[in-house]
Amino acid sequence: MERKQRLNSNQLLELSEELKCLKKKQHATRSLEVYVGMSAGEGIDFDSRQERISRICAVLSQHDIKQ
């Protein structure tokens, strides 16, 4: 069985801050997209951010951190 590495408090704080920034960027992108649309590149960036958000949420949940 693979053992999951536990992160220290600084690493968890950094992930939490990154998550906060990514969510803010996603919200801004969604709000702007309603009015001006989204280019193919912006769509790719949006999807990449969403994947990173999902990975961060999974790690934080393994450490019992609320998002």
PDB file of N, CA and C in Angstrom:
ATOM      1  N   MET A   1       0.842  -1.193   0.000  1.00  0.00           N
ATOM      2  CA  MET A   1       0.000   0.000   0.000  1.00  0.00           C
ATOM      3  C   MET A   1       0.881   1.247   0.000  1.00  0.00           C
ATOM      4  N   GLU A   2       0.555   2.165  -0.885  1.00  0.00           N
ATOM      5  CA  GLU A   2       1.320   3.404  -0.980  1.00  0.00           C
ATOM      6  C   GLU A   2       0.992   4.313   0.187  1.00  0.00           C
ATOM      7  N   ARG A   3       2.002   4.875   0.791  1.00  0.00           N
ATOM      8  CA  ARG A   3       1.802   5.783   1.915  1.00  0.00           C
ATOM      9  C   ARG A   3       1.824   7.226   1.403  1.00  0.00           C
ATOM     10  N   LYS A   4       0.825   7.993   1.764  1.00  0.00           N
ATOM     11  CA  LYS A   4       0.735   9.384   1.328  1.00  0.00           C
ATOM     12  C   LYS A   4       1.663  10.245   2.185  1.00  0.00           C
ATOM     13  N   GLN A   5       2.373  11.149   1.532  1.00  0.00           N
ATOM     14  CA  GLN A   5       3.257  12.054   2.246  1.00  0.00           C
ATOM     15  C   GLN A   5       2.431  13.147   2.903  1.00  0.00           C
ATOM     16  N   ARG A   6       2.701  13.403   4.168  1.00  0.00           N
ATOM     17  CA  ARG A   6       2.021  14.485   4.871  1.00  0.00           C
ATOM     18  C   ARG A   6       2.786  15.777   4.631  1.00  0.00           C
ATOM     19  N   LEU A   7       2.061  16.842   4.409  1.00  0.00           N
ATOM     20  CA  LEU A   7       2.675  18.144   4.182  1.00  0.00           C
ATOM     21  C   LEU A   7       2.790  18.893   5.498  1.00  0.00           C
ATOM     22  N   ASN A   8       3.796  19.760   5.596  1.00  0.00           N
ATOM     23  CA  ASN A   8       3.935  20.558   6.811  1.00  0.00           C
ATOM     24  C   ASN A   8       3.010  21.782   6.731  1.00  0.00           C
ATOM     25  N   SER A   9       2.938  22.515   7.804  1.00  0.00           N
ATOM     26  CA  SER A   9       1.995  23.637   7.877  1.00  0.00           C
ATOM     27  C   SER A   9       2.302  24.723   6.841  1.00  0.00           C
ATOM     28  N   ASN A  10       3.579  24.962   6.565  1.00  0.00           N
ATOM     29  CA  ASN A  10       3.921  25.977   5.545  1.00  0.00           C
ATOM     30  C   ASN A  10       3.458  25.539   4.161  1.00  0.00           C
ATOM     31  N   GLN A  11       3.655  24.274   3.842  1.00  0.00           N
ATOM     32  CA  GLN A  11       3.212  23.763   2.544  1.00  0.00           C
ATOM     33  C   GLN A  11       1.694  23.844   2.418  1.00  0.00           C
ATOM     34  N   LEU A  12       0.999  23.509   3.490  1.00  0.00           N
ATOM     35  CA  LEU A  12      -0.464  23.577   3.472  1.00  0.00           C
ATOM     36  C   LEU A  12      -0.935  25.016   3.317  1.00  0.00           C
ATOM     37  N   LEU A  13      -0.257  25.933   3.975  1.00  0.00           N
ATOM     38  CA  LEU A  13      -0.604  27.356   3.853  1.00  0.00           C
ATOM     39  C   LEU A  13      -0.385  27.837   2.423  1.00  0.00           C
ATOM     40  N   GLU A  14       0.736  27.438   1.825  1.00  0.00           N
ATOM     41  CA  GLU A  14       1.013  27.825   0.436  1.00  0.00           C
ATOM     42  C   GLU A  14      -0.054  27.278  -0.515  1.00  0.00           C
ATOM     43  N   LEU A  15      -0.452  26.022  -0.305  1.00  0.00           N
ATOM     44  CA  LEU A  15      -1.501  25.448  -1.151  1.00  0.00           C
ATOM     45  C   LEU A  15      -2.825  26.175  -0.956  1.00  0.00           C
ATOM     46  N   SER A  16      -3.136  26.513   0.275  1.00  0.00           N
ATOM     47  CA  SER A  16      -4.378  27.248   0.555  1.00  0.00           C
ATOM     48  C   SER A  16      -4.382  28.606  -0.124  1.00  0.00           C
ATOM     49  N   GLU A  17      -3.249  29.283  -0.090  1.00  0.00           N
ATOM     50  CA  GLU A  17      -3.140  30.591  -0.744  1.00  0.00           C
ATOM     51  C   GLU A  17      -3.233  30.448  -2.260  1.00  0.00           C
ATOM     52  N   GLU A  18      -2.579  29.423  -2.802  1.00  0.00           N
ATOM     53  CA  GLU A  18      -2.668  29.185  -4.244  1.00  0.00           C
ATOM     54  C   GLU A  18      -4.108  28.906  -4.647  1.00  0.00           C
ATOM     55  N   LEU A  19      -4.792  28.102  -3.846  1.00  0.00           N
ATOM     56  CA  LEU A  19      -6.194  27.782  -4.120  1.00  0.00           C
ATOM     57  C   LEU A  19      -7.044  29.048  -4.117  1.00  0.00           C
ATOM     58  N   LYS A  20      -6.819  29.889  -3.146  1.00  0.00           N
ATOM     59  CA  LYS A  20      -7.568  31.151  -3.055  1.00  0.00           C
ATOM     60  C   LYS A  20      -7.362  32.000  -4.316  1.00  0.00           C
ATOM     61  N   CYS A  21      -6.116  32.106  -4.759  1.00  0.00           N
ATOM     62  CA  CYS A  21      -5.802  32.895  -5.962  1.00  0.00           C
ATOM     63  C   CYS A  21      -6.420  32.274  -7.218  1.00  0.00           C
ATOM     64  N   LEU A  22      -6.320  30.952  -7.326  1.00  0.00           N
ATOM     65  CA  LEU A  22      -6.886  30.274  -8.496  1.00  0.00           C
ATOM     66  C   LEU A  22      -8.399  30.432  -8.553  1.00  0.00           C
ATOM     67  N   LYS A  23      -9.062  30.294  -7.412  1.00  0.00           N
ATOM     68  CA  LYS A  23     -10.520  30.447  -7.383  1.00  0.00           C
ATOM     69  C   LYS A  23     -10.928  31.871  -7.749  1.00  0.00           C
ATOM     70  N   LYS A  24     -10.153  32.839  -7.277  1.00  0.00           N
ATOM     71  CA  LYS A  24     -10.441  34.242  -7.594  1.00  0.00           C
ATOM     72  C   LYS A  24     -10.293  34.473  -9.102  1.00  0.00           C
ATOM     73  N   LYS A  25      -9.234  33.927  -9.691  1.00  0.00           N
ATOM     74  CA  LYS A  25      -8.995  34.065 -11.133  1.00  0.00           C
ATOM     75  C   LYS A  25     -10.114  33.383 -11.928  1.00  0.00           C
ATOM     76  N   GLN A  26     -10.546  32.196 -11.473  1.00  0.00           N
ATOM     77  CA  GLN A  26     -11.625  31.489 -12.163  1.00  0.00           C
ATOM     78  C   GLN A  26     -12.910  32.314 -12.122  1.00  0.00           C
ATOM     79  N   HIS A  27     -13.191  32.880 -10.976  1.00  0.00           N
ATOM     80  CA  HIS A  27     -14.409  33.687 -10.846  1.00  0.00           C
ATOM     81  C   HIS A  27     -14.351  34.902 -11.787  1.00  0.00           C
ATOM     82  N   ALA A  28     -13.210  35.571 -11.818  1.00  0.00           N
ATOM     83  CA  ALA A  28     -13.061  36.740 -12.691  1.00  0.00           C
ATOM     84  C   ALA A  28     -13.194  36.336 -14.159  1.00  0.00           C
ATOM     85  N   THR A  29     -12.607  35.209 -14.512  1.00  0.00           N
ATOM     86  CA  THR A  29     -12.680  34.742 -15.901  1.00  0.00           C
ATOM     87  C   THR A  29     -14.114  34.417 -16.287  1.00  0.00           C
ATOM     88  N   ARG A  30     -14.834  33.734 -15.389  1.00  0.00           N
ATOM     89  CA  ARG A  30     -16.239  33.410 -15.673  1.00  0.00           C
ATOM     90  C   ARG A  30     -17.072  34.677 -15.836  1.00  0.00           C
ATOM     91  N   SER A  31     -16.840  35.647 -14.968  1.00  0.00           N
ATOM     92  CA  SER A  31     -17.606  36.896 -15.032  1.00  0.00           C
ATOM     93  C   SER A  31     -17.348  37.638 -16.337  1.00  0.00           C
ATOM     94  N   LEU A  32     -16.095  37.701 -16.749  1.00  0.00           N
ATOM     95  CA  LEU A  32     -15.735  38.392 -17.975  1.00  0.00           C
ATOM     96  C   LEU A  32     -16.221  37.626 -19.204  1.00  0.00           C
ATOM     97  N   GLU A  33     -16.161  36.307 -19.141  1.00  0.00           N
ATOM     98  CA  GLU A  33     -16.549  35.459 -20.272  1.00  0.00           C
ATOM     99  C   GLU A  33     -17.992  35.700 -20.686  1.00  0.00           C
ATOM    100  N   VAL A  34     -18.831  36.006 -19.739  1.00  0.00           N
ATOM    101  CA  VAL A  34     -20.247  36.264 -20.029  1.00  0.00           C
ATOM    102  C   VAL A  34     -20.393  37.446 -20.981  1.00  0.00           C
ATOM    103  N   TYR A  35     -19.516  38.433 -20.838  1.00  0.00           N
ATOM    104  CA  TYR A  35     -19.634  39.655 -21.625  1.00  0.00           C
ATOM    105  C   TYR A  35     -18.812  39.653 -22.906  1.00  0.00           C
ATOM    106  N   VAL A  36     -17.608  39.080 -22.876  1.00  0.00           N
ATOM    107  CA  VAL A  36     -16.728  39.182 -24.046  1.00  0.00           C
ATOM    108  C   VAL A  36     -16.321  37.840 -24.639  1.00  0.00           C
ATOM    109  N   GLY A  37     -16.735  36.758 -24.052  1.00  0.00           N
ATOM    110  CA  GLY A  37     -16.361  35.445 -24.557  1.00  0.00           C
ATOM    111  C   GLY A  37     -14.971  35.035 -24.114  1.00  0.00           C
ATOM    112  N   MET A  38     -14.580  33.839 -24.524  1.00  0.00           N
ATOM    113  CA  MET A  38     -13.299  33.291 -24.117  1.00  0.00           C
ATOM    114  C   MET A  38     -12.604  32.719 -25.353  1.00  0.00           C
ATOM    115  N   SER A  39     -11.354  33.097 -25.544  1.00  0.00           N
ATOM    116  CA  SER A  39     -10.598  32.554 -26.672  1.00  0.00           C
ATOM    117  C   SER A  39     -10.220  31.101 -26.378  1.00  0.00           C
ATOM    118  N   ALA A  40      -9.711  30.427 -27.397  1.00  0.00           N
ATOM    119  CA  ALA A  40      -9.292  29.029 -27.208  1.00  0.00           C
ATOM    120  C   ALA A  40      -8.189  28.939 -26.153  1.00  0.00           C
ATOM    121  N   GLY A  41      -7.241  29.857 -26.194  1.00  0.00           N
ATOM    122  CA  GLY A  41      -6.147  29.869 -25.219  1.00  0.00           C
ATOM    123  C   GLY A  41      -6.645  30.118 -23.809  1.00  0.00           C
ATOM    124  N   GLU A  42      -7.591  31.046 -23.692  1.00  0.00           N
ATOM    125  CA  GLU A  42      -8.167  31.324 -22.374  1.00  0.00           C
ATOM    126  C   GLU A  42      -8.940  30.112 -21.859  1.00  0.00           C
ATOM    127  N   GLY A  43      -9.590  29.408 -22.758  1.00  0.00           N
ATOM    128  CA  GLY A  43     -10.309  28.201 -22.372  1.00  0.00           C
ATOM    129  C   GLY A  43      -9.368  27.123 -21.846  1.00  0.00           C
ATOM    130  N   ILE A  44      -8.228  26.985 -22.517  1.00  0.00           N
ATOM    131  CA  ILE A  44      -7.222  26.016 -22.070  1.00  0.00           C
ATOM    132  C   ILE A  44      -6.684  26.415 -20.695  1.00  0.00           C
ATOM    133  N   ASP A  45      -6.395  27.700 -20.513  1.00  0.00           N
ATOM    134  CA  ASP A  45      -5.917  28.189 -19.210  1.00  0.00           C
ATOM    135  C   ASP A  45      -6.962  27.946 -18.123  1.00  0.00           C
ATOM    136  N   PHE A  46      -8.221  28.207 -18.459  1.00  0.00           N
ATOM    137  CA  PHE A  46      -9.316  28.010 -17.510  1.00  0.00           C
ATOM    138  C   PHE A  46      -9.385  26.535 -17.082  1.00  0.00           C
ATOM    139  N   ASP A  47      -9.330  25.643 -18.058  1.00  0.00           N
ATOM    140  CA  ASP A  47      -9.386  24.207 -17.753  1.00  0.00           C
ATOM    141  C   ASP A  47      -8.190  23.760 -16.923  1.00  0.00           C
ATOM    142  N   SER A  48      -7.011  24.297 -17.225  1.00  0.00           N
ATOM    143  CA  SER A  48      -5.807  23.946 -16.459  1.00  0.00           C
ATOM    144  C   SER A  48      -5.922  24.412 -15.016  1.00  0.00           C
ATOM    145  N   ARG A  49      -6.439  25.625 -14.836  1.00  0.00           N
ATOM    146  CA  ARG A  49      -6.645  26.114 -13.468  1.00  0.00           C
ATOM    147  C   ARG A  49      -7.642  25.242 -12.728  1.00  0.00           C
ATOM    148  N   GLN A  50      -8.705  24.834 -13.411  1.00  0.00           N
ATOM    149  CA  GLN A  50      -9.719  24.008 -12.761  1.00  0.00           C
ATOM    150  C   GLN A  50      -9.139  22.659 -12.342  1.00  0.00           C
ATOM    151  N   GLU A  51      -8.284  22.090 -13.175  1.00  0.00           N
ATOM    152  CA  GLU A  51      -7.625  20.827 -12.811  1.00  0.00           C
ATOM    153  C   GLU A  51      -6.723  21.021 -11.596  1.00  0.00           C
ATOM    154  N   ARG A  52      -5.984  22.123 -11.562  1.00  0.00           N
ATOM    155  CA  ARG A  52      -5.109  22.410 -10.410  1.00  0.00           C
ATOM    156  C   ARG A  52      -5.938  22.617  -9.159  1.00  0.00           C
ATOM    157  N   ILE A  53      -7.058  23.317  -9.268  1.00  0.00           N
ATOM    158  CA  ILE A  53      -7.950  23.511  -8.126  1.00  0.00           C
ATOM    159  C   ILE A  53      -8.404  22.160  -7.584  1.00  0.00           C
ATOM    160  N   SER A  54      -8.781  21.264  -8.464  1.00  0.00           N
ATOM    161  CA  SER A  54      -9.228  19.930  -8.040  1.00  0.00           C
ATOM    162  C   SER A  54      -8.125  19.173  -7.321  1.00  0.00           C
ATOM    163  N   ARG A  55      -6.899  19.242  -7.858  1.00  0.00           N
ATOM    164  CA  ARG A  55      -5.773  18.541  -7.207  1.00  0.00           C
ATOM    165  C   ARG A  55      -5.474  19.129  -5.835  1.00  0.00           C
ATOM    166  N   ILE A  56      -5.493  20.456  -5.720  1.00  0.00           N
ATOM    167  CA  ILE A  56      -5.233  21.101  -4.431  1.00  0.00           C
ATOM    168  C   ILE A  56      -6.319  20.727  -3.428  1.00  0.00           C
ATOM    169  N   CYS A  57      -7.562  20.751  -3.858  1.00  0.00           N
ATOM    170  CA  CYS A  57      -8.666  20.383  -2.964  1.00  0.00           C
ATOM    171  C   CYS A  57      -8.511  18.951  -2.457  1.00  0.00           C
ATOM    172  N   ALA A  58      -8.078  18.056  -3.325  1.00  0.00           N
ATOM    173  CA  ALA A  58      -7.872  16.662  -2.924  1.00  0.00           C
ATOM    174  C   ALA A  58      -6.774  16.557  -1.867  1.00  0.00           C
ATOM    175  N   VAL A  59      -5.672  17.275  -2.077  1.00  0.00           N
ATOM    176  CA  VAL A  59      -4.569  17.240  -1.105  1.00  0.00           C
ATOM    177  C   VAL A  59      -5.016  17.835   0.224  1.00  0.00           C
ATOM    178  N   LEU A  60      -5.680  18.977   0.172  1.00  0.00           N
ATOM    179  CA  LEU A  60      -6.122  19.617   1.413  1.00  0.00           C
ATOM    180  C   LEU A  60      -7.131  18.753   2.160  1.00  0.00           C
ATOM    181  N   SER A  61      -7.991  18.065   1.442  1.00  0.00           N
ATOM    182  CA  SER A  61      -8.973  17.202   2.104  1.00  0.00           C
ATOM    183  C   SER A  61      -8.284  16.007   2.772  1.00  0.00           C
ATOM    184  N   GLN A  62      -7.181  15.524   2.199  1.00  0.00           N
ATOM    185  CA  GLN A  62      -6.414  14.440   2.829  1.00  0.00           C
ATOM    186  C   GLN A  62      -5.800  14.890   4.149  1.00  0.00           C
ATOM    187  N   HIS A  63      -5.610  16.188   4.298  1.00  0.00           N
ATOM    188  CA  HIS A  63      -5.031  16.760   5.510  1.00  0.00           C
ATOM    189  C   HIS A  63      -6.101  17.388   6.414  1.00  0.00           C
ATOM    190  N   ASP A  64      -7.359  17.091   6.088  1.00  0.00           N
ATOM    191  CA  ASP A  64      -8.502  17.595   6.864  1.00  0.00           C
ATOM    192  C   ASP A  64      -8.546  19.122   6.939  1.00  0.00           C
ATOM    193  N   ILE A  65      -8.177  19.764   5.834  1.00  0.00           N
ATOM    194  CA  ILE A  65      -8.227  21.226   5.745  1.00  0.00           C
ATOM    195  C   ILE A  65      -9.504  21.600   4.995  1.00  0.00           C
ATOM    196  N   LYS A  66     -10.272  22.493   5.578  1.00  0.00           N
ATOM    197  CA  LYS A  66     -11.500  22.976   4.926  1.00  0.00           C
ATOM    198  C   LYS A  66     -11.132  24.024   3.892  1.00  0.00           C
ATOM    199  N   GLN A  67     -11.852  23.996   2.737  1.00  0.00           N
ATOM    200  CA  GLN A  67     -11.578  24.978   1.691  1.00  0.00           C
ATOM    201  C   GLN A  67     -12.574  26.078   1.733  1.00  0.00           C
TER     202      GLN A  67
END
